[in-house]
Amino acid sequence: MNQDSNYYHVMRRQPLQNKVLAWWARLHRDEQTLQNLEWNGNKQPLPRGIAAELRRCRTVDDAILTEGFRHLWLSLTEDEAGQSWTMMAWATVAAVLAEVRSQSSTSFARAMGSQKDQTGKPYLSELRFAQLQKSHDADIFLKRARRAVALLGNQAHVLSLADSILHWHEEKHGRISQQPEKRLTVRWAMDYFTALSEYQK
């Protein structure tokens, strides 16, 4: 699996990528991912029930109060944790990644635009895709991101998904790049519609 072929806007540093992937693998007891990961930290599985607790969360605030989120949040350095609003971003990452049962090598946006079962239709319709990007608050975004993961069969590129969530929160808090190609809507649209063009004429 080539993790390096994807674009990362927030999670550009390899140590942070490894930290997030290790947390996901420990959460889901994915021993193979942990074995293949260059990671000197804790590789012991997280206690049973933590993933289920995250999946039961209805809001981002609920996720902040979970043990699973605390394991992720407390592993971050001060620089990685960032500003106060980033706690909500990382709680969303934890809650959504709890839904991902297996890894994919395809970027999150490209996977949403990929053809579903030779139907000529994408896993996520253009309407749902647009709604996800335009979610007006964090809880709505959490709900729609989970729905997208479910439509993908609970399979997603863990790091691409996590970075997309962090990027969405960053832009919601006014940190929008002046370079269009670095904005989430542009990045996602490029991947989504490129995948769509491969089977729709």
Protein backbone atom coordinates (compact mmCIF):
# COMPACT_ATOMS: atom_id res chain seq x y z
CA MET A 1 0.00 0.00 0.00
CA ASN A 2 1.48 3.31 -1.04
CA GLN A 3 0.70 5.89 1.60
CA ASP A 4 2.93 8.53 -0.02
CA SER A 5 0.96 9.02 -3.25
CA ASN A 6 -1.74 11.03 -1.49
CA TYR A 7 -1.75 14.77 -0.90
CA TYR A 8 -1.72 15.89 2.74
CA HIS A 9 -2.61 19.44 3.63
CA VAL A 10 -2.44 19.27 7.45
CA MET A 11 -0.72 15.97 8.21
CA ARG A 12 2.39 16.59 6.14
CA ARG A 13 4.89 15.22 8.66
CA GLN A 14 5.58 11.49 8.64
CA PRO A 15 5.74 11.13 12.45
CA LEU A 16 2.20 12.51 12.76
CA GLN A 17 0.96 10.24 9.97
CA ASN A 18 2.49 7.23 11.74
CA LYS A 19 0.96 8.30 15.05
CA VAL A 20 -2.56 8.52 13.60
CA LEU A 21 -2.24 5.26 11.69
CA ALA A 22 -0.90 3.50 14.79
CA TRP A 23 -3.82 4.82 16.87
CA TRP A 24 -6.31 3.54 14.29
CA ALA A 25 -4.58 0.14 14.12
CA ARG A 26 -4.55 -0.16 17.92
CA LEU A 27 -8.22 0.84 18.05
CA HIS A 28 -9.19 -1.88 15.58
CA ARG A 29 -6.56 -4.40 16.69
CA ASP A 30 -4.97 -4.44 13.24
CA GLU A 31 -1.72 -6.23 14.05
CA GLN A 32 -0.51 -6.36 10.45
CA THR A 33 -0.62 -2.58 10.05
CA LEU A 34 1.22 -2.14 13.33
CA GLN A 35 3.90 -4.62 12.32
CA ASN A 36 4.48 -2.86 9.01
CA LEU A 37 4.54 0.61 10.54
CA GLU A 38 7.75 2.41 11.47
CA TRP A 39 6.50 3.22 14.93
CA ASN A 40 8.43 3.15 18.19
CA GLY A 41 5.43 3.96 20.34
CA ASN A 42 2.90 1.71 22.05
CA LYS A 43 1.67 -1.10 19.80
CA GLN A 44 -0.60 -2.75 22.33
CA PRO A 45 -4.28 -2.89 21.30
CA LEU A 46 -6.53 -0.36 22.97
CA PRO A 47 -9.02 -1.82 25.48
CA ARG A 48 -12.06 -3.50 23.96
CA GLY A 49 -15.14 -1.35 23.72
CA ILE A 50 -13.33 1.90 22.94
CA ALA A 51 -14.22 1.83 19.26
CA ALA A 52 -17.86 1.04 20.08
CA GLU A 53 -17.96 3.96 22.50
CA LEU A 54 -16.74 6.31 19.75
CA ARG A 55 -19.28 4.92 17.29
CA ARG A 56 -22.10 5.66 19.75
CA CYS A 57 -21.19 9.35 19.90
CA ARG A 58 -23.83 11.55 18.31
CA THR A 59 -21.89 14.81 18.48
CA VAL A 60 -18.31 16.03 18.46
CA ASP A 61 -18.70 17.04 22.10
CA ASP A 62 -19.65 13.44 22.91
CA ALA A 63 -16.48 12.21 21.19
CA ILE A 64 -14.30 14.60 23.22
CA LEU A 65 -15.43 12.81 26.39
CA THR A 66 -14.41 9.33 25.23
CA GLU A 67 -11.38 7.31 26.23
CA GLY A 68 -10.56 6.60 22.60
CA PHE A 69 -10.25 10.29 21.79
CA ARG A 70 -8.09 10.88 24.87
CA HIS A 71 -5.61 8.23 23.70
CA LEU A 72 -5.26 10.08 20.40
CA TRP A 73 -5.27 13.63 21.79
CA LEU A 74 -2.74 12.97 24.55
CA SER A 75 -0.35 11.39 22.06
CA LEU A 76 -0.09 14.65 20.11
CA THR A 77 2.68 17.14 20.69
CA GLU A 78 1.83 20.76 21.45
CA ASP A 79 2.56 21.69 17.83
CA GLU A 80 0.40 18.86 16.51
CA ALA A 81 -2.49 19.66 18.82
CA GLY A 82 -2.44 23.25 17.58
CA GLN A 83 -4.99 25.84 18.68
CA SER A 84 -8.02 25.38 20.92
CA TRP A 85 -10.45 24.63 18.07
CA THR A 86 -8.32 21.73 16.87
CA MET A 87 -9.58 19.60 19.76
CA MET A 88 -12.93 19.44 17.95
CA ALA A 89 -11.16 18.55 14.71
CA TRP A 90 -9.24 15.69 16.30
CA ALA A 91 -12.37 14.45 18.10
CA THR A 92 -14.07 14.28 14.71
CA VAL A 93 -11.10 12.33 13.35
CA ALA A 94 -11.43 9.83 16.20
CA ALA A 95 -15.19 9.42 15.79
CA VAL A 96 -15.04 8.93 12.02
CA LEU A 97 -11.98 6.64 12.02
CA ALA A 98 -13.80 4.42 14.51
CA GLU A 99 -16.13 3.58 11.60
CA VAL A 100 -13.28 2.54 9.28
CA ARG A 101 -12.82 -1.22 9.58
CA SER A 102 -10.25 -1.73 6.80
CA GLN A 103 -7.67 0.33 4.93
CA SER A 104 -7.84 1.45 1.31
CA SER A 105 -5.01 2.75 -0.87
CA THR A 106 -7.35 5.20 -2.65
CA SER A 107 -7.72 8.76 -1.40
CA PHE A 108 -10.96 9.47 0.43
CA ALA A 109 -12.39 11.83 -2.21
CA ARG A 110 -11.38 9.59 -5.10
CA ALA A 111 -12.99 6.60 -3.38
CA MET A 112 -16.24 8.54 -3.00
CA GLY A 113 -16.25 9.17 -6.75
CA SER A 114 -15.27 5.62 -7.74
CA GLN A 115 -17.75 3.37 -9.47
CA LYS A 116 -19.88 1.19 -7.23
CA ASP A 117 -20.28 -2.43 -8.34
CA GLN A 118 -20.28 -1.71 -12.10
CA THR A 119 -23.46 0.36 -11.72
CA GLY A 120 -22.14 3.42 -13.54
CA LYS A 121 -22.76 5.38 -10.33
CA PRO A 122 -20.32 6.57 -7.65
CA TYR A 123 -20.29 5.33 -4.07
CA LEU A 124 -21.29 8.83 -3.00
CA SER A 125 -23.68 10.73 -5.26
CA GLU A 126 -22.72 14.21 -6.43
CA LEU A 127 -25.46 15.61 -4.19
CA ARG A 128 -24.15 13.85 -1.06
CA PHE A 129 -20.61 14.82 -2.03
CA ALA A 130 -21.57 18.49 -2.25
CA GLN A 131 -23.54 18.31 1.00
CA LEU A 132 -20.56 16.82 2.83
CA GLN A 133 -18.28 19.65 1.74
CA LYS A 134 -20.87 22.33 2.54
CA SER A 135 -21.81 21.01 5.99
CA HIS A 136 -22.58 24.09 8.08
CA ASP A 137 -21.34 22.83 11.44
CA ALA A 138 -19.09 20.19 12.98
CA ASP A 139 -21.85 17.82 14.06
CA ILE A 140 -23.45 17.79 10.60
CA PHE A 141 -20.03 17.19 9.06
CA LEU A 142 -19.42 14.32 11.48
CA LYS A 143 -22.75 12.72 10.57
CA ARG A 144 -22.18 13.06 6.82
CA ALA A 145 -18.56 11.88 6.97
CA ARG A 146 -19.68 8.76 8.82
CA ARG A 147 -22.38 8.23 6.20
CA ALA A 148 -19.77 8.48 3.45
CA VAL A 149 -17.59 5.89 5.19
CA ALA A 150 -20.59 3.58 5.54
CA LEU A 151 -21.37 3.92 1.82
CA LEU A 152 -17.75 2.96 1.11
CA GLY A 153 -18.32 -0.29 2.99
CA ASN A 154 -16.45 1.00 6.05
CA GLN A 155 -13.24 0.95 4.06
CA ALA A 156 -11.18 4.11 3.61
CA HIS A 157 -7.67 5.49 3.35
CA VAL A 158 -7.13 6.30 7.02
CA LEU A 159 -4.61 9.11 6.57
CA SER A 160 -6.39 10.74 3.63
CA LEU A 161 -9.65 10.71 5.57
CA ALA A 162 -8.06 12.10 8.74
CA ASP A 163 -6.28 14.85 6.82
CA SER A 164 -9.52 15.78 5.01
CA ILE A 165 -11.33 16.12 8.33
CA LEU A 166 -8.59 18.33 9.77
CA HIS A 167 -8.52 20.39 6.58
CA TRP A 168 -12.31 20.93 6.72
CA HIS A 169 -12.11 22.16 10.31
CA GLU A 170 -9.16 24.40 9.51
CA GLU A 171 -11.09 26.13 6.74
CA LYS A 172 -14.20 26.43 8.90
CA HIS A 173 -12.08 28.44 11.31
CA GLY A 174 -11.00 30.88 8.64
CA ARG A 175 -7.69 29.36 7.61
CA ILE A 176 -8.36 29.20 3.87
CA SER A 177 -5.40 29.13 1.50
CA GLN A 178 -5.05 31.91 -1.04
CA GLN A 179 -3.93 29.22 -3.50
CA PRO A 180 -7.09 27.59 -4.93
CA GLU A 181 -5.35 24.25 -5.54
CA LYS A 182 -4.73 23.94 -1.80
CA ARG A 183 -8.38 24.41 -0.79
CA LEU A 184 -10.36 21.37 0.28
CA THR A 185 -13.18 21.86 -2.23
CA VAL A 186 -10.68 21.98 -5.10
CA ARG A 187 -8.62 19.04 -3.86
CA TRP A 188 -11.70 16.90 -3.30
CA ALA A 189 -13.29 17.91 -6.61
CA MET A 190 -10.14 17.00 -8.53
CA ASP A 191 -10.05 13.52 -7.00
CA TYR A 192 -13.81 12.89 -7.05
CA PHE A 193 -14.47 14.00 -10.61
CA THR A 194 -11.30 12.37 -11.95
CA ALA A 195 -12.61 9.05 -10.59
CA LEU A 196 -16.05 9.79 -12.04
CA SER A 197 -14.63 10.52 -15.50
CA GLU A 198 -13.05 7.08 -15.68
CA TYR A 199 -16.40 5.35 -16.12
CA GLN A 200 -18.89 8.07 -17.06
CA LYS A 201 -18.78 9.58 -20.55
